[in-house]
Amino acid sequence: MEEQRVGIHKINLIDRNNLIITGVVKVINSNSSGVILKLKDTDLSIAGVNLTIESFSDGQISLTGTLDSLKYSKSNKIKESFFKRIFK
């Protein structure tokens, strides 16, 4: 039995035309040239041509189209300042 771990995601790319990703929290933005996904601890930007979300359920998304790049970036979480954390 496979153990489920929080924050884990998997990416399966088939022939640069079909992408399946697990561990997706939400779709931040989507259009035919790009998709931005919120994962547990990071964001994932996907660039390509004619990108289409085929399905999204239970944390798994399936995309089709011609994929050009995948890029991770830090989430835009608002961090408290140093002094606010000290003087709570």
PDB file of N, CA and C in Angstrom:
ATOM      1  N   MET A   1       0.839  -1.175   0.000  1.00  0.00           N
ATOM      2  CA  MET A   1       0.000   0.000   0.000  1.00  0.00           C
ATOM      3  C   MET A   1       0.887   1.244   0.000  1.00  0.00           C
ATOM      4  N   GLU A   2       0.593   2.191  -0.888  1.00  0.00           N
ATOM      5  CA  GLU A   2       1.401   3.403  -0.998  1.00  0.00           C
ATOM      6  C   GLU A   2       0.969   4.406   0.067  1.00  0.00           C
ATOM      7  N   GLU A   3       1.924   4.960   0.770  1.00  0.00           N
ATOM      8  CA  GLU A   3       1.652   5.917   1.838  1.00  0.00           C
ATOM      9  C   GLU A   3       1.447   7.303   1.240  1.00  0.00           C
ATOM     10  N   GLN A   4       0.353   7.977   1.626  1.00  0.00           N
ATOM     11  CA  GLN A   4       0.089   9.332   1.175  1.00  0.00           C
ATOM     12  C   GLN A   4       0.859  10.305   2.054  1.00  0.00           C
ATOM     13  N   ARG A   5       1.634  11.183   1.454  1.00  0.00           N
ATOM     14  CA  ARG A   5       2.397  12.179   2.190  1.00  0.00           C
ATOM     15  C   ARG A   5       1.931  13.565   1.783  1.00  0.00           C
ATOM     16  N   VAL A   6       1.721  14.415   2.764  1.00  0.00           N
ATOM     17  CA  VAL A   6       1.271  15.779   2.510  1.00  0.00           C
ATOM     18  C   VAL A   6       2.373  16.556   1.808  1.00  0.00           C
ATOM     19  N   GLY A   7       2.017  17.325   0.786  1.00  0.00           N
ATOM     20  CA  GLY A   7       2.979  18.155   0.088  1.00  0.00           C
ATOM     21  C   GLY A   7       3.659  17.475  -1.087  1.00  0.00           C
ATOM     22  N   ILE A   8       3.364  16.212  -1.300  1.00  0.00           N
ATOM     23  CA  ILE A   8       3.975  15.479  -2.409  1.00  0.00           C
ATOM     24  C   ILE A   8       3.141  15.693  -3.666  1.00  0.00           C
ATOM     25  N   HIS A   9       3.822  15.914  -4.775  1.00  0.00           N
ATOM     26  CA  HIS A   9       3.129  15.969  -6.060  1.00  0.00           C
ATOM     27  C   HIS A   9       3.929  15.161  -7.074  1.00  0.00           C
ATOM     28  N   LYS A  10       3.236  14.707  -8.085  1.00  0.00           N
ATOM     29  CA  LYS A  10       3.876  13.946  -9.153  1.00  0.00           C
ATOM     30  C   LYS A  10       3.505  14.568 -10.488  1.00  0.00           C
ATOM     31  N   ILE A  11       4.474  14.522 -11.414  1.00  0.00           N
ATOM     32  CA  ILE A  11       4.269  15.055 -12.754  1.00  0.00           C
ATOM     33  C   ILE A  11       4.539  13.946 -13.760  1.00  0.00           C
ATOM     34  N   ASN A  12       3.579  13.745 -14.641  1.00  0.00           N
ATOM     35  CA  ASN A  12       3.707  12.735 -15.683  1.00  0.00           C
ATOM     36  C   ASN A  12       3.500  13.432 -17.028  1.00  0.00           C
ATOM     37  N   LEU A  13       4.554  13.526 -17.833  1.00  0.00           N
ATOM     38  CA  LEU A  13       4.505  14.183 -19.133  1.00  0.00           C
ATOM     39  C   LEU A  13       4.650  13.130 -20.222  1.00  0.00           C
ATOM     40  N   ILE A  14       3.687  13.121 -21.136  1.00  0.00           N
ATOM     41  CA  ILE A  14       3.696  12.142 -22.218  1.00  0.00           C
ATOM     42  C   ILE A  14       3.816  12.883 -23.549  1.00  0.00           C
ATOM     43  N   ASP A  15       4.922  12.643 -24.239  1.00  0.00           N
ATOM     44  CA  ASP A  15       5.171  13.207 -25.579  1.00  0.00           C
ATOM     45  C   ASP A  15       4.966  14.714 -25.683  1.00  0.00           C
ATOM     46  N   ARG A  16       5.209  15.425 -24.613  1.00  0.00           N
ATOM     47  CA  ARG A  16       5.115  16.890 -24.601  1.00  0.00           C
ATOM     48  C   ARG A  16       3.716  17.411 -24.933  1.00  0.00           C
ATOM     49  N   ASN A  17       2.739  16.509 -24.996  1.00  0.00           N
ATOM     50  CA  ASN A  17       1.379  16.908 -25.359  1.00  0.00           C
ATOM     51  C   ASN A  17       0.335  16.589 -24.297  1.00  0.00           C
ATOM     52  N   ASN A  18       0.686  15.802 -23.319  1.00  0.00           N
ATOM     53  CA  ASN A  18      -0.269  15.401 -22.298  1.00  0.00           C
ATOM     54  C   ASN A  18       0.434  15.438 -20.947  1.00  0.00           C
ATOM     55  N   LEU A  19      -0.109  16.211 -20.014  1.00  0.00           N
ATOM     56  CA  LEU A  19       0.511  16.402 -18.709  1.00  0.00           C
ATOM     57  C   LEU A  19      -0.499  16.066 -17.624  1.00  0.00           C
ATOM     58  N   ILE A  20      -0.090  15.224 -16.682  1.00  0.00           N
ATOM     59  CA  ILE A  20      -0.922  14.879 -15.533  1.00  0.00           C
ATOM     60  C   ILE A  20      -0.131  15.221 -14.280  1.00  0.00           C
ATOM     61  N   ILE A  21      -0.740  15.992 -13.383  1.00  0.00           N
ATOM     62  CA  ILE A  21      -0.084  16.412 -12.151  1.00  0.00           C
ATOM     63  C   ILE A  21      -0.997  16.090 -10.979  1.00  0.00           C
ATOM     64  N   THR A  22      -0.426  15.453  -9.946  1.00  0.00           N
ATOM     65  CA  THR A  22      -1.170  15.216  -8.714  1.00  0.00           C
ATOM     66  C   THR A  22      -0.659  16.166  -7.640  1.00  0.00           C
ATOM     67  N   GLY A  23      -1.425  16.349  -6.592  1.00  0.00           N
ATOM     68  CA  GLY A  23      -1.029  17.228  -5.500  1.00  0.00           C
ATOM     69  C   GLY A  23      -1.353  18.689  -5.749  1.00  0.00           C
ATOM     70  N   VAL A  24      -2.296  18.947  -6.651  1.00  0.00           N
ATOM     71  CA  VAL A  24      -2.681  20.319  -6.986  1.00  0.00           C
ATOM     72  C   VAL A  24      -3.739  20.804  -5.996  1.00  0.00           C
ATOM     73  N   VAL A  25      -3.509  21.977  -5.414  1.00  0.00           N
ATOM     74  CA  VAL A  25      -4.463  22.564  -4.476  1.00  0.00           C
ATOM     75  C   VAL A  25      -5.532  23.346  -5.229  1.00  0.00           C
ATOM     76  N   LYS A  26      -5.097  24.192  -6.184  1.00  0.00           N
ATOM     77  CA  LYS A  26      -6.067  24.946  -6.987  1.00  0.00           C
ATOM     78  C   LYS A  26      -5.406  25.476  -8.252  1.00  0.00           C
ATOM     79  N   VAL A  27      -6.249  25.867  -9.200  1.00  0.00           N
ATOM     80  CA  VAL A  27      -5.793  26.515 -10.427  1.00  0.00           C
ATOM     81  C   VAL A  27      -5.874  28.018 -10.174  1.00  0.00           C
ATOM     82  N   ILE A  28      -4.724  28.690 -10.219  1.00  0.00           N
ATOM     83  CA  ILE A  28      -4.684  30.132  -9.982  1.00  0.00           C
ATOM     84  C   ILE A  28      -5.099  30.898 -11.233  1.00  0.00           C
ATOM     85  N   ASN A  29      -4.581  30.474 -12.379  1.00  0.00           N
ATOM     86  CA  ASN A  29      -4.875  31.159 -13.637  1.00  0.00           C
ATOM     87  C   ASN A  29      -4.736  30.161 -14.778  1.00  0.00           C
ATOM     88  N   SER A  30      -5.532  30.377 -15.821  1.00  0.00           N
ATOM     89  CA  SER A  30      -5.478  29.456 -16.954  1.00  0.00           C
ATOM     90  C   SER A  30      -5.907  30.168 -18.232  1.00  0.00           C
ATOM     91  N   ASN A  31      -5.117  29.983 -19.287  1.00  0.00           N
ATOM     92  CA  ASN A  31      -5.509  30.403 -20.634  1.00  0.00           C
ATOM     93  C   ASN A  31      -4.800  29.488 -21.627  1.00  0.00           C
ATOM     94  N   SER A  32      -4.955  29.733 -22.906  1.00  0.00           N
ATOM     95  CA  SER A  32      -4.420  28.803 -23.903  1.00  0.00           C
ATOM     96  C   SER A  32      -2.893  28.797 -23.985  1.00  0.00           C
ATOM     97  N   SER A  33      -2.233  29.811 -23.397  1.00  0.00           N
ATOM     98  CA  SER A  33      -0.769  29.853 -23.460  1.00  0.00           C
ATOM     99  C   SER A  33      -0.089  29.604 -22.115  1.00  0.00           C
ATOM    100  N   GLY A  34      -0.875  29.456 -21.047  1.00  0.00           N
ATOM    101  CA  GLY A  34      -0.249  29.203 -19.759  1.00  0.00           C
ATOM    102  C   GLY A  34      -1.237  28.828 -18.677  1.00  0.00           C
ATOM    103  N   VAL A  35      -0.736  28.091 -17.704  1.00  0.00           N
ATOM    104  CA  VAL A  35      -1.528  27.683 -16.551  1.00  0.00           C
ATOM    105  C   VAL A  35      -0.650  27.867 -15.314  1.00  0.00           C
ATOM    106  N   ILE A  36      -1.220  28.449 -14.263  1.00  0.00           N
ATOM    107  CA  ILE A  36      -0.510  28.585 -12.997  1.00  0.00           C
ATOM    108  C   ILE A  36      -1.266  27.783 -11.950  1.00  0.00           C
ATOM    109  N   LEU A  37      -0.548  26.850 -11.329  1.00  0.00           N
ATOM    110  CA  LEU A  37      -1.148  25.966 -10.343  1.00  0.00           C
ATOM    111  C   LEU A  37      -0.589  26.242  -8.960  1.00  0.00           C
ATOM    112  N   LYS A  38      -1.426  26.112  -7.945  1.00  0.00           N
ATOM    113  CA  LYS A  38      -0.999  26.199  -6.556  1.00  0.00           C
ATOM    114  C   LYS A  38      -0.828  24.780  -6.052  1.00  0.00           C
ATOM    115  N   LEU A  39       0.415  24.433  -5.684  1.00  0.00           N
ATOM    116  CA  LEU A  39       0.700  23.155  -5.056  1.00  0.00           C
ATOM    117  C   LEU A  39       0.791  23.416  -3.554  1.00  0.00           C
ATOM    118  N   LYS A  40       1.089  22.428  -2.767  1.00  0.00           N
ATOM    119  CA  LYS A  40       1.130  22.588  -1.310  1.00  0.00           C
ATOM    120  C   LYS A  40       2.085  23.701  -0.867  1.00  0.00           C
ATOM    121  N   ASP A  41       3.331  23.655  -1.301  1.00  0.00           N
ATOM    122  CA  ASP A  41       4.337  24.603  -0.826  1.00  0.00           C
ATOM    123  C   ASP A  41       4.906  25.517  -1.895  1.00  0.00           C
ATOM    124  N   THR A  42       4.387  25.430  -3.107  1.00  0.00           N
ATOM    125  CA  THR A  42       4.953  26.206  -4.202  1.00  0.00           C
ATOM    126  C   THR A  42       3.906  26.416  -5.286  1.00  0.00           C
ATOM    127  N   ASP A  43       4.217  27.278  -6.227  1.00  0.00           N
ATOM    128  CA  ASP A  43       3.381  27.455  -7.410  1.00  0.00           C
ATOM    129  C   ASP A  43       4.114  26.828  -8.588  1.00  0.00           C
ATOM    130  N   LEU A  44       3.349  26.384  -9.567  1.00  0.00           N
ATOM    131  CA  LEU A  44       3.921  25.798 -10.769  1.00  0.00           C
ATOM    132  C   LEU A  44       3.326  26.502 -11.977  1.00  0.00           C
ATOM    133  N   SER A  45       4.186  27.114 -12.788  1.00  0.00           N
ATOM    134  CA  SER A  45       3.761  27.786 -14.015  1.00  0.00           C
ATOM    135  C   SER A  45       4.059  26.883 -15.198  1.00  0.00           C
ATOM    136  N   ILE A  46       3.060  26.716 -16.041  1.00  0.00           N
ATOM    137  CA  ILE A  46       3.183  25.866 -17.225  1.00  0.00           C
ATOM    138  C   ILE A  46       2.941  26.747 -18.440  1.00  0.00           C
ATOM    139  N   ALA A  47       3.895  26.756 -19.377  1.00  0.00           N
ATOM    140  CA  ALA A  47       3.757  27.549 -20.595  1.00  0.00           C
ATOM    141  C   ALA A  47       3.655  26.614 -21.785  1.00  0.00           C
ATOM    142  N   GLY A  48       2.887  27.039 -22.781  1.00  0.00           N
ATOM    143  CA  GLY A  48       2.741  26.217 -23.971  1.00  0.00           C
ATOM    144  C   GLY A  48       1.804  26.854 -24.972  1.00  0.00           C
ATOM    145  N   VAL A  49       1.329  26.039 -25.888  1.00  0.00           N
ATOM    146  CA  VAL A  49       0.443  26.489 -26.953  1.00  0.00           C
ATOM    147  C   VAL A  49      -0.810  25.612 -26.941  1.00  0.00           C
ATOM    148  N   ASN A  50      -1.965  26.232 -27.078  1.00  0.00           N
ATOM    149  CA  ASN A  50      -3.249  25.521 -27.106  1.00  0.00           C
ATOM    150  C   ASN A  50      -3.453  24.645 -25.866  1.00  0.00           C
ATOM    151  N   LEU A  51      -3.091  25.162 -24.698  1.00  0.00           N
ATOM    152  CA  LEU A  51      -3.243  24.406 -23.463  1.00  0.00           C
ATOM    153  C   LEU A  51      -4.721  24.355 -23.064  1.00  0.00           C
ATOM    154  N   THR A  52      -5.153  23.173 -22.702  1.00  0.00           N
ATOM    155  CA  THR A  52      -6.536  22.952 -22.290  1.00  0.00           C
ATOM    156  C   THR A  52      -6.549  22.077 -21.048  1.00  0.00           C
ATOM    157  N   ILE A  53      -7.339  22.474 -20.058  1.00  0.00           N
ATOM    158  CA  ILE A  53      -7.528  21.630 -18.884  1.00  0.00           C
ATOM    159  C   ILE A  53      -8.604  20.611 -19.228  1.00  0.00           C
ATOM    160  N   GLU A  54      -8.201  19.357 -19.289  1.00  0.00           N
ATOM    161  CA  GLU A  54      -9.144  18.285 -19.631  1.00  0.00           C
ATOM    162  C   GLU A  54      -9.958  17.871 -18.408  1.00  0.00           C
ATOM    163  N   SER A  55      -9.310  17.813 -17.239  1.00  0.00           N
ATOM    164  CA  SER A  55     -10.021  17.464 -16.009  1.00  0.00           C
ATOM    165  C   SER A  55      -9.244  17.976 -14.806  1.00  0.00           C
ATOM    166  N   PHE A  56      -9.988  18.227 -13.728  1.00  0.00           N
ATOM    167  CA  PHE A  56      -9.382  18.633 -12.458  1.00  0.00           C
ATOM    168  C   PHE A  56     -10.292  18.168 -11.335  1.00  0.00           C
ATOM    169  N   SER A  57      -9.838  17.154 -10.612  1.00  0.00           N
ATOM    170  CA  SER A  57     -10.606  16.659  -9.470  1.00  0.00           C
ATOM    171  C   SER A  57      -9.684  15.916  -8.514  1.00  0.00           C
ATOM    172  N   ASP A  58     -10.025  15.968  -7.244  1.00  0.00           N
ATOM    173  CA  ASP A  58      -9.281  15.264  -6.196  1.00  0.00           C
ATOM    174  C   ASP A  58      -7.786  15.555  -6.234  1.00  0.00           C
ATOM    175  N   GLY A  59      -7.410  16.798  -6.554  1.00  0.00           N
ATOM    176  CA  GLY A  59      -6.000  17.176  -6.559  1.00  0.00           C
ATOM    177  C   GLY A  59      -5.220  16.732  -7.772  1.00  0.00           C
ATOM    178  N   GLN A  60      -5.898  16.192  -8.773  1.00  0.00           N
ATOM    179  CA  GLN A  60      -5.215  15.757  -9.999  1.00  0.00           C
ATOM    180  C   GLN A  60      -5.751  16.560 -11.177  1.00  0.00           C
ATOM    181  N   ILE A  61      -4.814  17.085 -11.968  1.00  0.00           N
ATOM    182  CA  ILE A  61      -5.187  17.850 -13.149  1.00  0.00           C
ATOM    183  C   ILE A  61      -4.584  17.204 -14.381  1.00  0.00           C
ATOM    184  N   SER A  62      -5.326  17.250 -15.474  1.00  0.00           N
ATOM    185  CA  SER A  62      -4.854  16.717 -16.747  1.00  0.00           C
ATOM    186  C   SER A  62      -4.918  17.838 -17.775  1.00  0.00           C
ATOM    187  N   LEU A  63      -3.779  18.111 -18.421  1.00  0.00           N
ATOM    188  CA  LEU A  63      -3.679  19.158 -19.429  1.00  0.00           C
ATOM    189  C   LEU A  63      -3.270  18.567 -20.766  1.00  0.00           C
ATOM    190  N   THR A  64      -3.778  19.157 -21.848  1.00  0.00           N
ATOM    191  CA  THR A  64      -3.324  18.790 -23.183  1.00  0.00           C
ATOM    192  C   THR A  64      -2.903  20.058 -23.912  1.00  0.00           C
ATOM    193  N   GLY A  65      -2.140  19.896 -24.957  1.00  0.00           N
ATOM    194  CA  GLY A  65      -1.604  20.994 -25.743  1.00  0.00           C
ATOM    195  C   GLY A  65      -0.114  20.766 -25.926  1.00  0.00           C
ATOM    196  N   THR A  66       0.568  21.710 -26.538  1.00  0.00           N
ATOM    197  CA  THR A  66       2.014  21.614 -26.702  1.00  0.00           C
ATOM    198  C   THR A  66       2.688  22.324 -25.543  1.00  0.00           C
ATOM    199  N   LEU A  67       3.381  21.575 -24.702  1.00  0.00           N
ATOM    200  CA  LEU A  67       4.010  22.145 -23.518  1.00  0.00           C
ATOM    201  C   LEU A  67       5.428  22.616 -23.837  1.00  0.00           C
ATOM    202  N   ASP A  68       5.735  23.840 -23.415  1.00  0.00           N
ATOM    203  CA  ASP A  68       7.054  24.416 -23.649  1.00  0.00           C
ATOM    204  C   ASP A  68       7.916  24.446 -22.395  1.00  0.00           C
ATOM    205  N   SER A  69       7.305  24.725 -21.234  1.00  0.00           N
ATOM    206  CA  SER A  69       8.112  24.804 -20.015  1.00  0.00           C
ATOM    207  C   SER A  69       7.269  24.606 -18.763  1.00  0.00           C
ATOM    208  N   LEU A  70       7.962  24.147 -17.720  1.00  0.00           N
ATOM    209  CA  LEU A  70       7.403  24.046 -16.374  1.00  0.00           C
ATOM    210  C   LEU A  70       8.351  24.811 -15.462  1.00  0.00           C
ATOM    211  N   LYS A  71       7.810  25.698 -14.627  1.00  0.00           N
ATOM    212  CA  LYS A  71       8.669  26.510 -13.770  1.00  0.00           C
ATOM    213  C   LYS A  71       8.061  26.610 -12.376  1.00  0.00           C
ATOM    214  N   TYR A  72       8.872  26.242 -11.371  1.00  0.00           N
ATOM    215  CA  TYR A  72       8.457  26.368  -9.978  1.00  0.00           C
ATOM    216  C   TYR A  72       8.770  27.767  -9.484  1.00  0.00           C
ATOM    217  N   SER A  73       7.920  28.270  -8.597  1.00  0.00           N
ATOM    218  CA  SER A  73       8.194  29.545  -7.945  1.00  0.00           C
ATOM    219  C   SER A  73       7.624  29.494  -6.536  1.00  0.00           C
ATOM    220  N   LYS A  74       8.162  30.338  -5.675  1.00  0.00           N
ATOM    221  CA  LYS A  74       7.670  30.395  -4.305  1.00  0.00           C
ATOM    222  C   LYS A  74       6.262  30.955  -4.312  1.00  0.00           C
ATOM    223  N   SER A  75       5.453  30.471  -3.371  1.00  0.00           N
ATOM    224  CA  SER A  75       4.111  31.014  -3.225  1.00  0.00           C
ATOM    225  C   SER A  75       4.194  32.452  -2.745  1.00  0.00           C
ATOM    226  N   ASN A  76       3.189  33.210  -3.072  1.00  0.00           N
ATOM    227  CA  ASN A  76       3.160  34.611  -2.662  1.00  0.00           C
ATOM    228  C   ASN A  76       2.491  34.753  -1.299  1.00  0.00           C
ATOM    229  N   LYS A  77       3.011  34.048  -0.324  1.00  0.00           N
ATOM    230  CA  LYS A  77       2.484  34.153   1.026  1.00  0.00           C
ATOM    231  C   LYS A  77       2.982  35.448   1.647  1.00  0.00           C
ATOM    232  N   ILE A  78       2.090  36.104   2.352  1.00  0.00           N
ATOM    233  CA  ILE A  78       2.472  37.339   3.034  1.00  0.00           C
ATOM    234  C   ILE A  78       3.162  36.957   4.332  1.00  0.00           C
ATOM    235  N   LYS A  79       4.390  37.391   4.460  1.00  0.00           N
ATOM    236  CA  LYS A  79       5.161  37.084   5.655  1.00  0.00           C
ATOM    237  C   LYS A  79       5.095  38.250   6.620  1.00  0.00           C
ATOM    238  N   GLU A  80       5.020  37.920   7.902  1.00  0.00           N
ATOM    239  CA  GLU A  80       5.048  38.957   8.912  1.00  0.00           C
ATOM    240  C   GLU A  80       6.455  39.521   9.030  1.00  0.00           C
ATOM    241  N   SER A  81       6.519  40.783   9.399  1.00  0.00           N
ATOM    242  CA  SER A  81       7.830  41.399   9.578  1.00  0.00           C
ATOM    243  C   SER A  81       8.510  40.799  10.814  1.00  0.00           C
ATOM    244  N   PHE A  82       9.785  40.980  10.879  1.00  0.00           N
ATOM    245  CA  PHE A  82      10.595  40.467  11.978  1.00  0.00           C
ATOM    246  C   PHE A  82      10.076  40.993  13.321  1.00  0.00           C
ATOM    247  N   PHE A  83       9.775  42.297  13.394  1.00  0.00           N
ATOM    248  CA  PHE A  83       9.352  42.888  14.652  1.00  0.00           C
ATOM    249  C   PHE A  83       7.939  42.440  15.059  1.00  0.00           C
ATOM    250  N   LYS A  84       7.057  42.228  14.119  1.00  0.00           N
ATOM    251  CA  LYS A  84       5.717  41.734  14.448  1.00  0.00           C
ATOM    252  C   LYS A  84       5.788  40.336  15.056  1.00  0.00           C
ATOM    253  N   ARG A  85       6.711  39.526  14.567  1.00  0.00           N
ATOM    254  CA  ARG A  85       6.850  38.179  15.123  1.00  0.00           C
ATOM    255  C   ARG A  85       7.424  38.214  16.532  1.00  0.00           C
ATOM    256  N   ILE A  86       8.320  39.135  16.789  1.00  0.00           N
ATOM    257  CA  ILE A  86       8.955  39.225  18.100  1.00  0.00           C
ATOM    258  C   ILE A  86       7.985  39.767  19.152  1.00  0.00           C
ATOM    259  N   PHE A  87       7.220  40.788  18.789  1.00  0.00           N
ATOM    260  CA  PHE A  87       6.363  41.486  19.765  1.00  0.00           C
ATOM    261  C   PHE A  87       4.917  41.020  19.741  1.00  0.00           C
ATOM    262  N   LYS A  88       4.682  39.756  19.495  1.00  0.00           N
ATOM    263  CA  LYS A  88       3.315  39.216  19.539  1.00  0.00           C
ATOM    264  C   LYS A  88       2.801  39.181  20.941  1.00  0.00           C
TER     265      LYS A  88
END
